[in-house]
Amino acid sequence: MKKQPTSLLLIITAILAFTTVAGAADRWETLRAINWVENPTNQTKVGRFGELGPYQFRPATWRMHTDKPFRLAIQRAEADEVAVLHYEWIKRSFEQAGVEPNAFNIALAWNSGVEAVLAGRSPSASYNYAERVTNLVETFQEGRRNLTEQKNVTLESKAEQLLIGGSVQELRFRVLQDTPHFEITAS
């Protein structure tokens, strides 16, 4: 019986964790969509404008965020690290300028540059790019909402079991690959 309050607290904490993860999930969904649009086949060759890696960084963009050699841009972990830094830099730049840092604007800046977006001078090809990224982000978010709804039903039933005298002996959290989300299992 003493485990019930602890288990119930863990379930409630897990539900609240989904809310906290949402901000990071939005960033990862945007970065994942950028990756899919920029380099869907994971090419490791240097592009015609010198871009490289899953996010197609140009050397100057890479150097804005790291001192590591540009050749590391093809390594996923290194590219992800720089992508997060670049995303956050774009987001901060927009917040400071009073521009909404949504997926469309971030993708637009990723493709044409923050200054071009703020000046309203992004080329039409960049708008097309941002629309494609935004469509993918919306698809990823819909998948996350569906998964969250499924998880919430499971969590609610576990909480209900605890409240009516059932027992959940152990909760385990496992971080799954790709989109940041959690799987909660009870045994």
Protein backbone atom coordinates (compact mmCIF):
# COMPACT_ATOMS: atom_id res chain seq x y z
CA MET A 1 0.00 0.00 0.00
CA LYS A 2 2.84 2.44 0.61
CA LYS A 3 3.86 2.24 -3.04
CA GLN A 4 0.53 3.62 -4.28
CA PRO A 5 1.22 7.32 -3.53
CA THR A 6 4.71 7.02 -5.00
CA SER A 7 3.43 5.23 -8.10
CA LEU A 8 0.60 7.71 -8.53
CA LEU A 9 3.06 10.58 -8.17
CA LEU A 10 5.27 9.01 -10.85
CA ILE A 11 2.31 8.70 -13.21
CA ILE A 12 1.30 12.32 -12.67
CA THR A 13 4.92 13.41 -13.15
CA ALA A 14 5.08 11.45 -16.40
CA ILE A 15 1.93 13.17 -17.66
CA LEU A 16 3.41 16.58 -16.84
CA ALA A 17 6.68 15.57 -18.53
CA PHE A 18 4.83 15.32 -21.84
CA THR A 19 4.06 19.04 -21.58
CA THR A 20 7.72 19.90 -20.91
CA VAL A 21 8.89 17.75 -23.78
CA ALA A 22 6.58 19.57 -26.20
CA GLY A 23 8.90 22.58 -26.62
CA ALA A 24 11.87 20.36 -27.40
CA ALA A 25 9.64 18.20 -29.59
CA ASP A 26 8.65 21.25 -31.67
CA ARG A 27 12.33 22.00 -32.24
CA TRP A 28 13.13 18.41 -33.17
CA GLU A 29 10.12 18.16 -35.44
CA THR A 30 11.27 21.31 -37.24
CA LEU A 31 14.86 20.08 -37.49
CA ARG A 32 13.72 16.65 -38.64
CA ALA A 33 11.60 18.28 -41.34
CA ILE A 34 14.51 20.50 -42.40
CA ASN A 35 16.68 17.39 -42.66
CA TRP A 36 14.06 15.64 -44.78
CA VAL A 37 13.79 18.59 -47.16
CA GLU A 38 17.50 19.43 -47.23
CA ASN A 39 19.01 15.96 -47.51
CA PRO A 40 16.37 13.19 -47.67
CA THR A 41 18.85 10.56 -48.90
CA ASN A 42 21.68 11.45 -46.48
CA GLN A 43 24.16 12.39 -49.19
CA THR A 44 27.67 12.90 -47.85
CA LYS A 45 28.99 14.77 -50.90
CA VAL A 46 29.61 18.51 -50.80
CA GLY A 47 26.80 20.40 -52.52
CA ARG A 48 27.22 22.93 -55.31
CA PHE A 49 27.24 25.82 -52.80
CA GLY A 50 29.62 24.05 -50.41
CA GLU A 51 26.86 22.71 -48.17
CA LEU A 52 27.37 19.47 -46.27
CA GLY A 53 25.57 17.02 -44.00
CA PRO A 54 22.00 16.19 -43.03
CA TYR A 55 21.09 19.87 -42.60
CA GLN A 56 23.17 21.08 -45.55
CA PHE A 57 25.24 23.54 -43.54
CA ARG A 58 27.43 25.98 -45.38
CA PRO A 59 30.92 26.45 -43.91
CA ALA A 60 30.14 29.95 -42.56
CA THR A 61 27.02 28.73 -40.74
CA TRP A 62 28.95 25.80 -39.27
CA ARG A 63 31.69 28.13 -38.02
CA MET A 64 29.09 30.39 -36.34
CA HIS A 65 28.36 27.63 -33.84
CA THR A 66 31.45 25.43 -33.49
CA ASP A 67 35.21 25.31 -33.87
CA LYS A 68 35.06 21.68 -34.99
CA PRO A 69 36.21 20.91 -38.54
CA PHE A 70 33.52 21.39 -41.19
CA ARG A 71 34.10 17.85 -42.48
CA LEU A 72 32.32 16.62 -39.30
CA ALA A 73 29.06 18.05 -40.64
CA ILE A 74 28.34 14.65 -42.22
CA GLN A 75 28.41 12.95 -38.81
CA ARG A 76 24.86 12.91 -37.46
CA ALA A 77 25.68 13.63 -33.81
CA GLU A 78 27.89 16.60 -34.71
CA ALA A 79 25.35 17.91 -37.22
CA ASP A 80 22.49 17.57 -34.71
CA GLU A 81 24.46 19.53 -32.13
CA VAL A 82 25.13 22.39 -34.53
CA ALA A 83 21.55 22.23 -35.87
CA VAL A 84 20.16 22.78 -32.37
CA LEU A 85 22.52 25.72 -31.83
CA HIS A 86 21.57 27.23 -35.18
CA TYR A 87 17.85 26.71 -34.54
CA GLU A 88 18.14 28.39 -31.14
CA TRP A 89 20.14 31.27 -32.66
CA ILE A 90 17.44 31.83 -35.30
CA LYS A 91 14.73 31.61 -32.64
CA ARG A 92 16.49 34.17 -30.39
CA SER A 93 17.04 36.49 -33.35
CA PHE A 94 13.33 36.42 -34.15
CA GLU A 95 12.29 36.90 -30.53
CA GLN A 96 14.58 39.93 -30.24
CA ALA A 97 13.08 41.37 -33.43
CA GLY A 98 9.50 40.67 -32.32
CA VAL A 99 8.94 38.04 -35.03
CA GLU A 100 7.11 34.81 -34.25
CA PRO A 101 9.69 31.97 -34.16
CA ASN A 102 7.34 29.38 -35.69
CA ALA A 103 8.36 26.49 -37.93
CA PHE A 104 7.64 28.44 -41.13
CA ASN A 105 9.77 31.45 -40.16
CA ILE A 106 12.60 29.29 -38.84
CA ALA A 107 12.62 27.24 -42.05
CA LEU A 108 12.48 30.42 -44.13
CA ALA A 109 15.51 31.78 -42.25
CA TRP A 110 17.29 28.42 -42.49
CA ASN A 111 17.03 28.65 -46.25
CA SER A 112 17.43 32.38 -46.94
CA GLY A 113 18.96 33.82 -43.76
CA VAL A 114 17.60 35.71 -40.77
CA GLU A 115 18.40 39.11 -42.27
CA ALA A 116 16.48 38.34 -45.46
CA VAL A 117 13.43 37.24 -43.47
CA LEU A 118 13.52 40.30 -41.21
CA ALA A 119 13.90 42.59 -44.23
CA GLY A 120 11.11 40.78 -46.13
CA ARG A 121 13.48 39.87 -48.97
CA SER A 122 13.37 36.07 -48.97
CA PRO A 123 13.12 34.61 -52.47
CA SER A 124 10.00 32.72 -53.53
CA ALA A 125 11.98 29.45 -53.59
CA SER A 126 12.60 29.92 -49.86
CA TYR A 127 8.86 30.37 -49.25
CA ASN A 128 8.26 27.08 -51.09
CA TYR A 129 10.95 25.46 -48.95
CA ALA A 130 9.39 26.80 -45.72
CA GLU A 131 5.95 25.52 -46.77
CA ARG A 132 7.36 22.03 -47.36
CA VAL A 133 9.08 22.06 -43.97
CA THR A 134 5.92 23.33 -42.26
CA ASN A 135 3.81 20.60 -43.89
CA LEU A 136 6.22 17.96 -42.59
CA VAL A 137 6.24 19.51 -39.10
CA GLU A 138 2.43 19.40 -39.03
CA THR A 139 2.53 15.74 -40.06
CA PHE A 140 5.05 14.96 -37.30
CA GLN A 141 2.98 16.90 -34.74
CA GLU A 142 -0.16 15.01 -35.68
CA GLY A 143 1.71 11.75 -35.12
CA ARG A 144 2.93 13.02 -31.73
CA ARG A 145 -0.60 14.06 -30.72
CA ASN A 146 -1.93 10.63 -31.63
CA LEU A 147 0.86 8.95 -29.66
CA THR A 148 0.30 11.25 -26.67
CA GLU A 149 -3.43 10.48 -26.69
CA GLN A 150 -2.66 6.75 -26.67
CA LYS A 151 -0.15 7.20 -23.83
CA ASN A 152 -2.57 9.34 -21.81
CA VAL A 153 -5.27 6.66 -22.05
CA THR A 154 -2.74 4.11 -20.76
CA LEU A 155 -1.59 6.45 -17.97
CA GLU A 156 -5.16 7.25 -16.95
CA SER A 157 -6.02 3.55 -16.72
CA LYS A 158 -2.92 2.91 -14.57
CA ALA A 159 -3.83 5.81 -12.29
CA GLU A 160 -7.38 4.47 -12.05
CA GLN A 161 -6.01 1.04 -11.08
CA LEU A 162 -4.05 2.66 -8.26
CA LEU A 163 -7.01 4.64 -7.01
CA ILE A 164 -9.31 1.61 -6.84
CA GLY A 165 -6.77 -0.59 -5.12
CA GLY A 166 -4.86 -2.13 -8.00
CA SER A 167 -1.11 -1.97 -7.84
CA VAL A 168 1.57 -0.89 -10.20
CA GLN A 169 4.86 -2.13 -8.84
CA GLU A 170 7.33 -0.47 -11.15
CA LEU A 171 7.32 2.26 -13.76
CA ARG A 172 10.13 2.29 -16.31
CA PHE A 173 10.89 5.11 -18.71
CA ARG A 174 12.67 4.43 -21.95
CA VAL A 175 13.70 7.18 -24.37
CA LEU A 176 12.99 6.09 -27.93
CA GLN A 177 15.05 7.07 -31.00
CA ASP A 178 14.30 9.86 -33.43
CA THR A 179 11.39 11.95 -32.19
CA PRO A 180 11.87 12.65 -28.49
CA HIS A 181 9.10 10.83 -26.67
CA PHE A 182 8.83 8.40 -23.80
CA GLU A 183 7.40 4.95 -23.42
CA ILE A 184 6.01 4.24 -19.99
CA THR A 185 5.55 0.66 -18.97
CA ALA A 186 4.22 -0.74 -15.76
CA SER A 187 4.90 -4.18 -14.37
